[in-house]
Amino acid sequence: MDWKAKLLIQGGLIGAVVGLATAWLYARSADVQVDHNGNPRLPEVKSADLLRIGVSLVAVLRTIIGLGSADD
């Protein structure tokens, strides 16, 4: 197996772990609402919050891409 395949597998595993941890933390901290049928529902995420998360993700991706550059 070449180094690119290993890197992709490791990155996928790290992404899955980070995603699961994020979902667990969100579910743990969110105030669960119950509808009229008794089904639990998480509160809706506001579009402004999604925009902030998107901008933060772009910043993280740019930082990771910068790790691979030869500029020191």
Protein backbone atom coordinates (compact mmCIF):
# COMPACT_ATOMS: atom_id res chain seq x y z
CA MET A 1 0.00 0.00 0.00
CA ASP A 2 1.44 3.38 -0.94
CA TRP A 3 1.66 6.41 1.34
CA LYS A 4 -1.30 8.21 -0.25
CA ALA A 5 -3.68 5.32 0.43
CA LYS A 6 -2.45 5.09 4.04
CA LEU A 7 -2.91 8.83 4.46
CA LEU A 8 -6.46 8.68 3.09
CA ILE A 9 -7.40 5.79 5.38
CA GLN A 10 -5.92 7.54 8.43
CA GLY A 11 -7.63 10.81 7.51
CA GLY A 12 -10.95 9.04 7.05
CA LEU A 13 -10.67 7.33 10.42
CA ILE A 14 -9.72 10.57 12.16
CA GLY A 15 -12.62 12.36 10.44
CA ALA A 16 -15.05 9.66 11.53
CA VAL A 17 -13.87 9.85 15.15
CA VAL A 18 -14.05 13.66 15.15
CA GLY A 19 -17.51 13.55 13.59
CA LEU A 20 -18.80 11.06 16.14
CA ALA A 21 -17.33 13.08 19.01
CA THR A 22 -18.91 16.25 17.65
CA ALA A 23 -22.33 14.62 17.32
CA TRP A 24 -22.05 13.18 20.83
CA LEU A 25 -21.11 16.56 22.32
CA TYR A 26 -23.95 18.29 20.46
CA ALA A 27 -26.50 15.71 21.57
CA ARG A 28 -25.21 15.92 25.13
CA SER A 29 -25.37 19.71 25.34
CA ALA A 30 -28.57 20.36 23.36
CA ASP A 31 -31.87 20.90 25.08
CA VAL A 32 -34.05 18.09 23.79
CA GLN A 33 -37.61 19.11 23.03
CA VAL A 34 -40.54 16.70 23.02
CA ASP A 35 -43.27 17.07 20.42
CA HIS A 36 -46.98 16.41 20.97
CA ASN A 37 -46.49 12.69 20.17
CA GLY A 38 -43.79 12.33 22.80
CA ASN A 39 -40.93 12.04 20.28
CA PRO A 40 -37.69 13.78 21.24
CA ARG A 41 -36.35 16.46 18.86
CA LEU A 42 -33.11 18.40 18.85
CA PRO A 43 -33.47 22.17 18.43
CA GLU A 44 -32.95 23.53 14.94
CA VAL A 45 -29.53 24.96 14.14
CA LYS A 46 -29.66 28.60 13.01
CA SER A 47 -28.25 29.55 9.63
CA ALA A 48 -25.90 32.08 11.25
CA ASP A 49 -24.41 29.27 13.34
CA LEU A 50 -23.97 27.12 10.23
CA LEU A 51 -22.21 30.02 8.50
CA ARG A 52 -19.81 30.43 11.45
CA ILE A 53 -19.09 26.69 11.42
CA GLY A 54 -18.46 26.79 7.67
CA VAL A 55 -16.02 29.68 7.95
CA SER A 56 -14.22 27.91 10.80
CA LEU A 57 -13.95 24.71 8.75
CA VAL A 58 -12.47 26.61 5.83
CA ALA A 59 -9.88 28.13 8.18
CA VAL A 60 -8.99 24.69 9.55
CA LEU A 61 -8.68 23.26 6.02
CA ARG A 62 -6.42 26.12 4.96
CA THR A 63 -4.23 25.47 7.99
CA ILE A 64 -4.00 21.76 7.17
CA ILE A 65 -3.16 22.52 3.55
CA GLY A 66 -0.46 24.89 4.77
CA LEU A 67 1.15 22.04 6.70
CA GLY A 68 2.09 20.39 3.42
CA SER A 69 3.74 23.45 1.88
CA ALA A 70 7.51 23.75 1.74
CA ASP A 71 7.54 27.33 3.04
CA ASP A 72 9.13 27.55 6.48
